[in-house]
Amino acid sequence: TAVFVVITGMLGAMTGPWIMNKMGIHNPLSRGLA
């Protein structure tokens, strides 16, 4: 569980902003929630 949590957090932080930029999601509220 600890391993999966760390990997998920790392992948989310790495790819999350990039994916949201590609999808045109720039609203600060939406990005913070995601």
PDB file of all heavy atoms in Angstrom:
ATOM      1  N   THR A   1       0.829  -1.206   0.000  1.00  0.00           N
ATOM      2  CA  THR A   1       0.000   0.000   0.000  1.00  0.00           C
ATOM      3  C   THR A   1       0.861   1.254   0.000  1.00  0.00           C
ATOM      4  O   THR A   1       0.624   2.191  -0.771  1.00  0.00           O
ATOM      5  CB  THR A   1      -0.933   0.017   1.228  1.00  0.00           C
ATOM      6  OG1 THR A   1      -1.846  -1.080   1.146  1.00  0.00           O
ATOM      7  CG2 THR A   1      -1.725   1.317   1.289  1.00  0.00           C
ATOM      8  N   ALA A   2       1.887   1.271   0.861  1.00  0.00           N
ATOM      9  CA  ALA A   2       2.782   2.429   0.931  1.00  0.00           C
ATOM     10  C   ALA A   2       3.486   2.656  -0.406  1.00  0.00           C
ATOM     11  O   ALA A   2       3.629   3.800  -0.861  1.00  0.00           O
ATOM     12  CB  ALA A   2       3.812   2.227   2.045  1.00  0.00           C
ATOM     13  N   VAL A   3       3.912   1.582  -1.039  1.00  0.00           N
ATOM     14  CA  VAL A   3       4.582   1.685  -2.349  1.00  0.00           C
ATOM     15  C   VAL A   3       3.632   2.260  -3.393  1.00  0.00           C
ATOM     16  O   VAL A   3       3.999   3.170  -4.155  1.00  0.00           O
ATOM     17  CB  VAL A   3       5.109   0.304  -2.804  1.00  0.00           C
ATOM     18  CG1 VAL A   3       5.602   0.372  -4.253  1.00  0.00           C
ATOM     19  CG2 VAL A   3       6.222  -0.173  -1.892  1.00  0.00           C
ATOM     20  N   PHE A   4       2.408   1.754  -3.441  1.00  0.00           N
ATOM     21  CA  PHE A   4       1.428   2.229  -4.419  1.00  0.00           C
ATOM     22  C   PHE A   4       1.083   3.701  -4.184  1.00  0.00           C
ATOM     23  O   PHE A   4       0.889   4.462  -5.140  1.00  0.00           O
ATOM     24  CB  PHE A   4       0.153   1.383  -4.356  1.00  0.00           C
ATOM     25  CG  PHE A   4       0.314  -0.005  -4.899  1.00  0.00           C
ATOM     26  CD1 PHE A   4      -0.232  -1.095  -4.234  1.00  0.00           C
ATOM     27  CD2 PHE A   4       1.015  -0.234  -6.069  1.00  0.00           C
ATOM     28  CE1 PHE A   4      -0.087  -2.376  -4.732  1.00  0.00           C
ATOM     29  CE2 PHE A   4       1.168  -1.516  -6.578  1.00  0.00           C
ATOM     30  CZ  PHE A   4       0.617  -2.595  -5.904  1.00  0.00           C
ATOM     31  N   VAL A   5       1.003   4.098  -2.925  1.00  0.00           N
ATOM     32  CA  VAL A   5       0.691   5.492  -2.599  1.00  0.00           C
ATOM     33  C   VAL A   5       1.787   6.422  -3.112  1.00  0.00           C
ATOM     34  O   VAL A   5       1.504   7.451  -3.742  1.00  0.00           O
ATOM     35  CB  VAL A   5       0.514   5.669  -1.075  1.00  0.00           C
ATOM     36  CG1 VAL A   5       0.484   7.161  -0.714  1.00  0.00           C
ATOM     37  CG2 VAL A   5      -0.771   5.010  -0.604  1.00  0.00           C
ATOM     38  N   VAL A   6       3.030   6.056  -2.860  1.00  0.00           N
ATOM     39  CA  VAL A   6       4.162   6.894  -3.283  1.00  0.00           C
ATOM     40  C   VAL A   6       4.223   6.977  -4.809  1.00  0.00           C
ATOM     41  O   VAL A   6       4.407   8.061  -5.382  1.00  0.00           O
ATOM     42  CB  VAL A   6       5.488   6.343  -2.725  1.00  0.00           C
ATOM     43  CG1 VAL A   6       6.672   7.101  -3.325  1.00  0.00           C
ATOM     44  CG2 VAL A   6       5.510   6.451  -1.207  1.00  0.00           C
ATOM     45  N   ILE A   7       4.058   5.835  -5.480  1.00  0.00           N
ATOM     46  CA  ILE A   7       4.100   5.822  -6.946  1.00  0.00           C
ATOM     47  C   ILE A   7       2.967   6.656  -7.527  1.00  0.00           C
ATOM     48  O   ILE A   7       3.160   7.431  -8.479  1.00  0.00           O
ATOM     49  CB  ILE A   7       4.023   4.373  -7.476  1.00  0.00           C
ATOM     50  CG1 ILE A   7       5.294   3.602  -7.106  1.00  0.00           C
ATOM     51  CG2 ILE A   7       3.824   4.366  -8.993  1.00  0.00           C
ATOM     52  CD1 ILE A   7       5.266   2.144  -7.480  1.00  0.00           C
ATOM     53  N   THR A   8       1.772   6.520  -6.947  1.00  0.00           N
ATOM     54  CA  THR A   8       0.613   7.282  -7.431  1.00  0.00           C
ATOM     55  C   THR A   8       0.839   8.782  -7.272  1.00  0.00           C
ATOM     56  O   THR A   8       0.561   9.570  -8.186  1.00  0.00           O
ATOM     57  CB  THR A   8      -0.660   6.875  -6.667  1.00  0.00           C
ATOM     58  OG1 THR A   8      -0.922   5.489  -6.893  1.00  0.00           O
ATOM     59  CG2 THR A   8      -1.858   7.695  -7.129  1.00  0.00           C
ATOM     60  N   GLY A   9       1.341   9.180  -6.108  1.00  0.00           N
ATOM     61  CA  GLY A   9       1.609  10.594  -5.871  1.00  0.00           C
ATOM     62  C   GLY A   9       2.634  11.148  -6.835  1.00  0.00           C
ATOM     63  O   GLY A   9       2.484  12.248  -7.382  1.00  0.00           O
ATOM     64  N   MET A  10       3.689  10.369  -7.056  1.00  0.00           N
ATOM     65  CA  MET A  10       4.747  10.814  -7.952  1.00  0.00           C
ATOM     66  C   MET A  10       4.251  10.931  -9.390  1.00  0.00           C
ATOM     67  O   MET A  10       4.481  11.936 -10.068  1.00  0.00           O
ATOM     68  CB  MET A  10       5.932   9.844  -7.889  1.00  0.00           C
ATOM     69  CG  MET A  10       7.158  10.308  -8.654  1.00  0.00           C
ATOM     70  SD  MET A  10       8.547   9.160  -8.500  1.00  0.00           S
ATOM     71  CE  MET A  10       8.878   9.281  -6.735  1.00  0.00           C
ATOM     72  N   LEU A  11       3.535   9.909  -9.868  1.00  0.00           N
ATOM     73  CA  LEU A  11       3.009   9.942 -11.234  1.00  0.00           C
ATOM     74  C   LEU A  11       1.978  11.055 -11.409  1.00  0.00           C
ATOM     75  O   LEU A  11       1.922  11.714 -12.448  1.00  0.00           O
ATOM     76  CB  LEU A  11       2.396   8.585 -11.597  1.00  0.00           C
ATOM     77  CG  LEU A  11       3.371   7.425 -11.780  1.00  0.00           C
ATOM     78  CD1 LEU A  11       2.612   6.130 -12.049  1.00  0.00           C
ATOM     79  CD2 LEU A  11       4.337   7.709 -12.925  1.00  0.00           C
ATOM     80  N   GLY A  12       1.150  11.257 -10.365  1.00  0.00           N
ATOM     81  CA  GLY A  12       0.147  12.314 -10.428  1.00  0.00           C
ATOM     82  C   GLY A  12       0.773  13.689 -10.525  1.00  0.00           C
ATOM     83  O   GLY A  12       0.319  14.541 -11.306  1.00  0.00           O
ATOM     84  N   ALA A  13       1.809  13.917  -9.735  1.00  0.00           N
ATOM     85  CA  ALA A  13       2.492  15.215  -9.761  1.00  0.00           C
ATOM     86  C   ALA A  13       3.255  15.418 -11.063  1.00  0.00           C
ATOM     87  O   ALA A  13       3.358  16.539 -11.576  1.00  0.00           O
ATOM     88  CB  ALA A  13       3.448  15.321  -8.572  1.00  0.00           C
ATOM     89  N   MET A  14       3.787  14.316 -11.613  1.00  0.00           N
ATOM     90  CA  MET A  14       4.552  14.398 -12.865  1.00  0.00           C
ATOM     91  C   MET A  14       3.656  14.674 -14.063  1.00  0.00           C
ATOM     92  O   MET A  14       3.944  15.547 -14.879  1.00  0.00           O
ATOM     93  CB  MET A  14       5.303  13.082 -13.102  1.00  0.00           C
ATOM     94  CG  MET A  14       6.497  12.855 -12.223  1.00  0.00           C
ATOM     95  SD  MET A  14       7.137  11.163 -12.408  1.00  0.00           S
ATOM     96  CE  MET A  14       7.469  11.086 -14.173  1.00  0.00           C
ATOM     97  N   THR A  15       2.582  13.906 -14.168  1.00  0.00           N
ATOM     98  CA  THR A  15       1.761  13.955 -15.384  1.00  0.00           C
ATOM     99  C   THR A  15       0.501  14.804 -15.263  1.00  0.00           C
ATOM    100  O   THR A  15      -0.041  15.246 -16.279  1.00  0.00           O
ATOM    101  CB  THR A  15       1.341  12.521 -15.798  1.00  0.00           C
ATOM    102  OG1 THR A  15       0.522  11.956 -14.747  1.00  0.00           O
ATOM    103  CG2 THR A  15       2.562  11.638 -16.001  1.00  0.00           C
ATOM    104  N   GLY A  16       0.036  15.029 -14.016  1.00  0.00           N
ATOM    105  CA  GLY A  16      -1.199  15.785 -13.811  1.00  0.00           C
ATOM    106  C   GLY A  16      -1.212  17.156 -14.474  1.00  0.00           C
ATOM    107  O   GLY A  16      -2.112  17.448 -15.282  1.00  0.00           O
ATOM    108  N   PRO A  17      -0.244  18.022 -14.163  1.00  0.00           N
ATOM    109  CA  PRO A  17      -0.229  19.352 -14.783  1.00  0.00           C
ATOM    110  C   PRO A  17      -0.126  19.286 -16.308  1.00  0.00           C
ATOM    111  O   PRO A  17      -0.789  20.061 -17.013  1.00  0.00           O
ATOM    112  CB  PRO A  17       1.020  20.003 -14.176  1.00  0.00           C
ATOM    113  CG  PRO A  17       1.201  19.302 -12.874  1.00  0.00           C
ATOM    114  CD  PRO A  17       0.805  17.884 -13.128  1.00  0.00           C
ATOM    115  N   TRP A  18       0.680  18.350 -16.811  1.00  0.00           N
ATOM    116  CA  TRP A  18       0.853  18.206 -18.260  1.00  0.00           C
ATOM    117  C   TRP A  18      -0.465  17.805 -18.923  1.00  0.00           C
ATOM    118  O   TRP A  18      -0.844  18.370 -19.949  1.00  0.00           O
ATOM    119  CB  TRP A  18       1.932  17.159 -18.534  1.00  0.00           C
ATOM    120  CG  TRP A  18       2.199  16.931 -19.986  1.00  0.00           C
ATOM    121  CD1 TRP A  18       2.967  17.706 -20.827  1.00  0.00           C
ATOM    122  CD2 TRP A  18       1.681  15.865 -20.802  1.00  0.00           C
ATOM    123  NE1 TRP A  18       2.965  17.184 -22.101  1.00  0.00           N
ATOM    124  CE2 TRP A  18       2.185  16.049 -22.117  1.00  0.00           C
ATOM    125  CE3 TRP A  18       0.857  14.776 -20.548  1.00  0.00           C
ATOM    126  CZ2 TRP A  18       1.884  15.185 -23.163  1.00  0.00           C
ATOM    127  CZ3 TRP A  18       0.550  13.908 -21.587  1.00  0.00           C
ATOM    128  CH2 TRP A  18       1.059  14.110 -22.872  1.00  0.00           C
ATOM    129  N   ILE A  19      -1.165  16.833 -18.335  1.00  0.00           N
ATOM    130  CA  ILE A  19      -2.444  16.378 -18.888  1.00  0.00           C
ATOM    131  C   ILE A  19      -3.469  17.505 -18.857  1.00  0.00           C
ATOM    132  O   ILE A  19      -4.194  17.735 -19.836  1.00  0.00           O
ATOM    133  CB  ILE A  19      -2.973  15.156 -18.115  1.00  0.00           C
ATOM    134  CG1 ILE A  19      -2.075  13.940 -18.360  1.00  0.00           C
ATOM    135  CG2 ILE A  19      -4.411  14.833 -18.519  1.00  0.00           C
ATOM    136  CD1 ILE A  19      -2.416  12.733 -17.507  1.00  0.00           C
ATOM    137  N   MET A  20      -3.538  18.230 -17.737  1.00  0.00           N
ATOM    138  CA  MET A  20      -4.509  19.323 -17.626  1.00  0.00           C
ATOM    139  C   MET A  20      -4.196  20.444 -18.611  1.00  0.00           C
ATOM    140  O   MET A  20      -5.103  21.060 -19.168  1.00  0.00           O
ATOM    141  CB  MET A  20      -4.554  19.842 -16.186  1.00  0.00           C
ATOM    142  CG  MET A  20      -5.256  18.887 -15.228  1.00  0.00           C
ATOM    143  SD  MET A  20      -5.549  19.572 -13.576  1.00  0.00           S
ATOM    144  CE  MET A  20      -3.890  19.460 -12.866  1.00  0.00           C
ATOM    145  N   ASN A  21      -2.911  20.715 -18.834  1.00  0.00           N
ATOM    146  CA  ASN A  21      -2.539  21.723 -19.828  1.00  0.00           C
ATOM    147  C   ASN A  21      -3.000  21.303 -21.220  1.00  0.00           C
ATOM    148  O   ASN A  21      -3.512  22.114 -21.999  1.00  0.00           O
ATOM    149  CB  ASN A  21      -1.026  21.936 -19.824  1.00  0.00           C
ATOM    150  CG  ASN A  21      -0.545  22.658 -18.578  1.00  0.00           C
ATOM    151  OD1 ASN A  21      -1.322  23.337 -17.910  1.00  0.00           O
ATOM    152  ND2 ASN A  21       0.727  22.522 -18.262  1.00  0.00           N
ATOM    153  N   LYS A  22      -2.788  20.025 -21.547  1.00  0.00           N
ATOM    154  CA  LYS A  22      -3.185  19.514 -22.859  1.00  0.00           C
ATOM    155  C   LYS A  22      -4.704  19.555 -23.036  1.00  0.00           C
ATOM    156  O   LYS A  22      -5.198  19.748 -24.153  1.00  0.00           O
ATOM    157  CB  LYS A  22      -2.693  18.069 -23.021  1.00  0.00           C
ATOM    158  CG  LYS A  22      -1.186  17.926 -23.150  1.00  0.00           C
ATOM    159  CD  LYS A  22      -0.662  18.587 -24.409  1.00  0.00           C
ATOM    160  CE  LYS A  22       0.831  18.397 -24.578  1.00  0.00           C
ATOM    161  NZ  LYS A  22       1.348  19.076 -25.810  1.00  0.00           N
ATOM    162  N   MET A  23      -5.433  19.383 -21.940  1.00  0.00           N
ATOM    163  CA  MET A  23      -6.898  19.383 -22.004  1.00  0.00           C
ATOM    164  C   MET A  23      -7.490  20.776 -21.843  1.00  0.00           C
ATOM    165  O   MET A  23      -8.707  20.951 -21.864  1.00  0.00           O
ATOM    166  CB  MET A  23      -7.457  18.454 -20.926  1.00  0.00           C
ATOM    167  CG  MET A  23      -7.096  16.989 -21.115  1.00  0.00           C
ATOM    168  SD  MET A  23      -7.792  15.924 -19.835  1.00  0.00           S
ATOM    169  CE  MET A  23      -9.555  16.077 -20.188  1.00  0.00           C
ATOM    170  N   GLY A  24      -6.631  21.768 -21.661  1.00  0.00           N
ATOM    171  CA  GLY A  24      -7.103  23.144 -21.539  1.00  0.00           C
ATOM    172  C   GLY A  24      -7.717  23.473 -20.191  1.00  0.00           C
ATOM    173  O   GLY A  24      -8.534  24.390 -20.079  1.00  0.00           O
ATOM    174  N   ILE A  25      -7.338  22.719 -19.155  1.00  0.00           N
ATOM    175  CA  ILE A  25      -7.851  22.977 -17.800  1.00  0.00           C
ATOM    176  C   ILE A  25      -6.880  23.907 -17.089  1.00  0.00           C
ATOM    177  O   ILE A  25      -5.806  23.488 -16.640  1.00  0.00           O
ATOM    178  CB  ILE A  25      -8.009  21.656 -17.015  1.00  0.00           C
ATOM    179  CG1 ILE A  25      -8.954  20.714 -17.744  1.00  0.00           C
ATOM    180  CG2 ILE A  25      -8.520  21.942 -15.595  1.00  0.00           C
ATOM    181  CD1 ILE A  25      -9.048  19.340 -17.123  1.00  0.00           C
ATOM    182  N   HIS A  26      -7.236  25.173 -16.991  1.00  0.00           N
ATOM    183  CA  HIS A  26      -6.342  26.163 -16.389  1.00  0.00           C
ATOM    184  C   HIS A  26      -6.936  26.819 -15.140  1.00  0.00           C
ATOM    185  O   HIS A  26      -6.264  27.623 -14.487  1.00  0.00           O
ATOM    186  CB  HIS A  26      -5.999  27.246 -17.422  1.00  0.00           C
ATOM    187  CG  HIS A  26      -5.364  26.702 -18.676  1.00  0.00           C
ATOM    188  ND1 HIS A  26      -4.119  26.105 -18.680  1.00  0.00           N
ATOM    189  CD2 HIS A  26      -5.825  26.642 -19.954  1.00  0.00           C
ATOM    190  CE1 HIS A  26      -3.816  25.715 -19.914  1.00  0.00           C
ATOM    191  NE2 HIS A  26      -4.829  26.026 -20.700  1.00  0.00           N
ATOM    192  N   ASN A  27      -8.175  26.493 -14.821  1.00  0.00           N
ATOM    193  CA  ASN A  27      -8.808  27.068 -13.640  1.00  0.00           C
ATOM    194  C   ASN A  27      -8.073  26.622 -12.372  1.00  0.00           C
ATOM    195  O   ASN A  27      -7.903  25.416 -12.157  1.00  0.00           O
ATOM    196  CB  ASN A  27     -10.272  26.619 -13.569  1.00  0.00           C
ATOM    197  CG  ASN A  27     -11.003  27.232 -12.401  1.00  0.00           C
ATOM    198  OD1 ASN A  27     -10.908  26.730 -11.286  1.00  0.00           O
ATOM    199  ND2 ASN A  27     -11.724  28.312 -12.647  1.00  0.00           N
ATOM    200  N   PRO A  28      -7.600  27.550 -11.541  1.00  0.00           N
ATOM    201  CA  PRO A  28      -6.822  27.185 -10.347  1.00  0.00           C
ATOM    202  C   PRO A  28      -7.571  26.255  -9.398  1.00  0.00           C
ATOM    203  O   PRO A  28      -6.970  25.349  -8.813  1.00  0.00           O
ATOM    204  CB  PRO A  28      -6.557  28.542  -9.676  1.00  0.00           C
ATOM    205  CG  PRO A  28      -6.682  29.538 -10.768  1.00  0.00           C
ATOM    206  CD  PRO A  28      -7.741  28.998 -11.682  1.00  0.00           C
ATOM    207  N   LEU A  29      -8.885  26.462  -9.269  1.00  0.00           N
ATOM    208  CA  LEU A  29      -9.695  25.624  -8.386  1.00  0.00           C
ATOM    209  C   LEU A  29      -9.716  24.184  -8.893  1.00  0.00           C
ATOM    210  O   LEU A  29      -9.509  23.232  -8.129  1.00  0.00           O
ATOM    211  CB  LEU A  29     -11.120  26.177  -8.298  1.00  0.00           C
ATOM    212  CG  LEU A  29     -12.064  25.466  -7.330  1.00  0.00           C
ATOM    213  CD1 LEU A  29     -11.656  25.744  -5.887  1.00  0.00           C
ATOM    214  CD2 LEU A  29     -13.502  25.930  -7.551  1.00  0.00           C
ATOM    215  N   SER A  30      -9.946  24.020 -10.175  1.00  0.00           N
ATOM    216  CA  SER A  30     -10.010  22.686 -10.770  1.00  0.00           C
ATOM    217  C   SER A  30      -8.664  21.967 -10.678  1.00  0.00           C
ATOM    218  O   SER A  30      -8.601  20.776 -10.364  1.00  0.00           O
ATOM    219  CB  SER A  30     -10.438  22.784 -12.240  1.00  0.00           C
ATOM    220  OG  SER A  30     -11.703  23.393 -12.355  1.00  0.00           O
ATOM    221  N   ARG A  31      -7.594  22.688 -10.933  1.00  0.00           N
ATOM    222  CA  ARG A  31      -6.262  22.075 -10.903  1.00  0.00           C
ATOM    223  C   ARG A  31      -5.884  21.665  -9.478  1.00  0.00           C
ATOM    224  O   ARG A  31      -5.311  20.592  -9.251  1.00  0.00           O
ATOM    225  CB  ARG A  31      -5.225  23.049 -11.475  1.00  0.00           C
ATOM    226  CG  ARG A  31      -5.408  23.322 -12.957  1.00  0.00           C
ATOM    227  CD  ARG A  31      -4.416  24.362 -13.460  1.00  0.00           C
ATOM    228  NE  ARG A  31      -3.059  23.835 -13.538  1.00  0.00           N
ATOM    229  CZ  ARG A  31      -2.528  23.248 -14.610  1.00  0.00           C
ATOM    230  NH1 ARG A  31      -3.257  23.101 -15.709  1.00  0.00           N
ATOM    231  NH2 ARG A  31      -1.293  22.818 -14.600  1.00  0.00           N
ATOM    232  N   GLY A  32      -6.237  22.507  -8.514  1.00  0.00           N
ATOM    233  CA  GLY A  32      -5.944  22.177  -7.123  1.00  0.00           C
ATOM    234  C   GLY A  32      -6.716  20.952  -6.660  1.00  0.00           C
ATOM    235  O   GLY A  32      -6.163  20.068  -5.994  1.00  0.00           O
ATOM    236  N   LEU A  33      -7.991  20.874  -7.039  1.00  0.00           N
ATOM    237  CA  LEU A  33      -8.816  19.727  -6.666  1.00  0.00           C
ATOM    238  C   LEU A  33      -8.264  18.435  -7.268  1.00  0.00           C
ATOM    239  O   LEU A  33      -8.148  17.414  -6.587  1.00  0.00           O
ATOM    240  CB  LEU A  33     -10.260  19.934  -7.150  1.00  0.00           C
ATOM    241  CG  LEU A  33     -11.135  20.891  -6.350  1.00  0.00           C
ATOM    242  CD1 LEU A  33     -12.454  21.119  -7.075  1.00  0.00           C
ATOM    243  CD2 LEU A  33     -11.392  20.351  -4.947  1.00  0.00           C
ATOM    244  N   ALA A  34      -7.911  18.485  -8.547  1.00  0.00           N
ATOM    245  CA  ALA A  34      -7.406  17.292  -9.228  1.00  0.00           C
ATOM    246  C   ALA A  34      -6.107  16.789  -8.601  1.00  0.00           C
ATOM    247  O   ALA A  34      -5.945  15.592  -8.336  1.00  0.00           O
ATOM    248  CB  ALA A  34      -7.192  17.593 -10.705  1.00  0.00           C
TER     249      ALA A  34
END
